[in-house]
Protein backbone atom coordinates (compact mmCIF):
# COMPACT_ATOMS: atom_id res chain seq x y z
CA UNK A 1 127.95 55.95 125.60
CA UNK A 2 127.82 59.59 126.50
CA UNK A 3 131.06 60.79 124.72
CA UNK A 4 129.54 59.58 121.85
CA UNK A 5 126.41 62.10 122.00
CA UNK A 6 128.54 64.82 122.62
CA UNK A 7 131.20 64.27 120.23
CA UNK A 8 128.02 64.00 117.45
CA UNK A 9 126.62 67.12 119.00
CA UNK A 10 129.62 69.23 118.28
CA UNK A 11 130.16 67.84 115.19
CA UNK A 12 127.10 68.37 113.78
CA UNK A 13 127.06 71.87 115.58
CA UNK A 14 130.88 72.71 113.46
CA UNK A 15 129.20 71.66 110.16
CA UNK A 16 126.65 73.73 111.44
CA UNK A 17 129.14 76.99 111.50
CA UNK A 18 131.03 76.25 108.84
CA UNK A 19 128.35 76.00 106.02
CA UNK A 20 126.91 79.25 108.16
CA UNK A 21 130.66 80.66 107.22
CA UNK A 22 130.44 78.97 103.68
CA UNK A 23 127.39 80.91 102.65
CA UNK A 24 128.68 84.34 104.45
CA UNK A 25 131.45 84.18 102.13
CA UNK A 26 129.18 83.86 98.88
CA UNK A 27 127.09 86.65 99.96
CA UNK A 28 130.28 89.03 101.00
CA UNK A 29 131.61 87.87 97.40
CA UNK A 30 128.45 89.01 95.46
CA UNK A 31 128.00 92.01 97.36
CA UNK A 32 131.92 93.13 96.76
CA UNK A 33 131.01 91.64 92.57
CA UNK A 34 127.71 94.50 92.50
CA UNK A 35 128.94 97.93 92.64
CA UNK A 36 127.10 100.27 91.79
CA UNK A 37 123.44 101.28 92.56
CA UNK A 38 122.02 100.68 89.55
CA UNK A 39 123.80 96.61 89.48
CA UNK A 40 121.61 96.70 93.36
CA UNK A 41 118.17 97.80 91.80
CA UNK A 42 118.72 95.25 88.96
CA UNK A 43 119.35 92.26 90.69
CA UNK A 44 116.81 93.02 92.92
CA UNK A 45 114.34 93.24 90.68
CA UNK A 46 115.68 90.11 88.76
CA UNK A 47 113.78 87.16 89.57
CA UNK A 48 116.42 84.35 91.60
CA UNK A 49 115.16 81.00 91.69
CA UNK A 50 114.25 80.30 95.75
CA UNK A 51 117.59 77.74 95.38
CA UNK A 52 119.56 80.72 95.62
CA UNK A 53 118.32 82.51 98.24
CA UNK A 54 120.90 82.63 101.42
CA UNK A 55 118.49 82.78 104.00
CA UNK A 56 116.97 79.28 102.73
CA UNK A 57 120.32 77.89 103.00
CA UNK A 58 120.71 79.08 106.42
CA UNK A 59 117.84 78.11 107.58
CA UNK A 60 118.29 74.51 106.33
CA UNK A 61 122.20 73.99 108.02
CA UNK A 62 120.19 75.67 111.34
CA UNK A 63 116.56 72.77 110.77
CA UNK A 64 118.82 70.11 110.65
CA UNK A 65 120.72 70.82 112.93
CA UNK A 66 118.23 71.54 115.66
CA UNK A 67 116.55 68.47 114.99
CA UNK A 68 119.90 65.92 115.16
CA UNK A 69 120.04 67.91 118.37
CA UNK A 70 116.99 66.90 119.98
CA UNK A 71 116.85 64.07 119.10
CA UNK A 72 120.23 63.85 120.85
CA UNK A 73 119.20 64.78 123.53
CA UNK A 74 116.29 63.02 123.54
CA UNK A 75 118.19 59.79 122.69
CA UNK A 76 120.21 61.22 126.39
CA UNK A 77 117.58 61.37 128.16
CA UNK A 78 115.37 58.54 127.67
């Protein structure tokens, strides 16, 4: 039974890792598209939707991973 829990934790952590890599690649792609400083200033001044924030995406990924890991450790201990 315990190998199943280990497998679930590993799978969830790998999903979080791949999600982080995807967000990082999207962020790097956006940075490469914005060449000049004026483009950067205008992009900072624009109101982007909160959904588009990479920090929010990473926070969601790690929150879900943390919650699932805590639940699985709680099952393992008790």
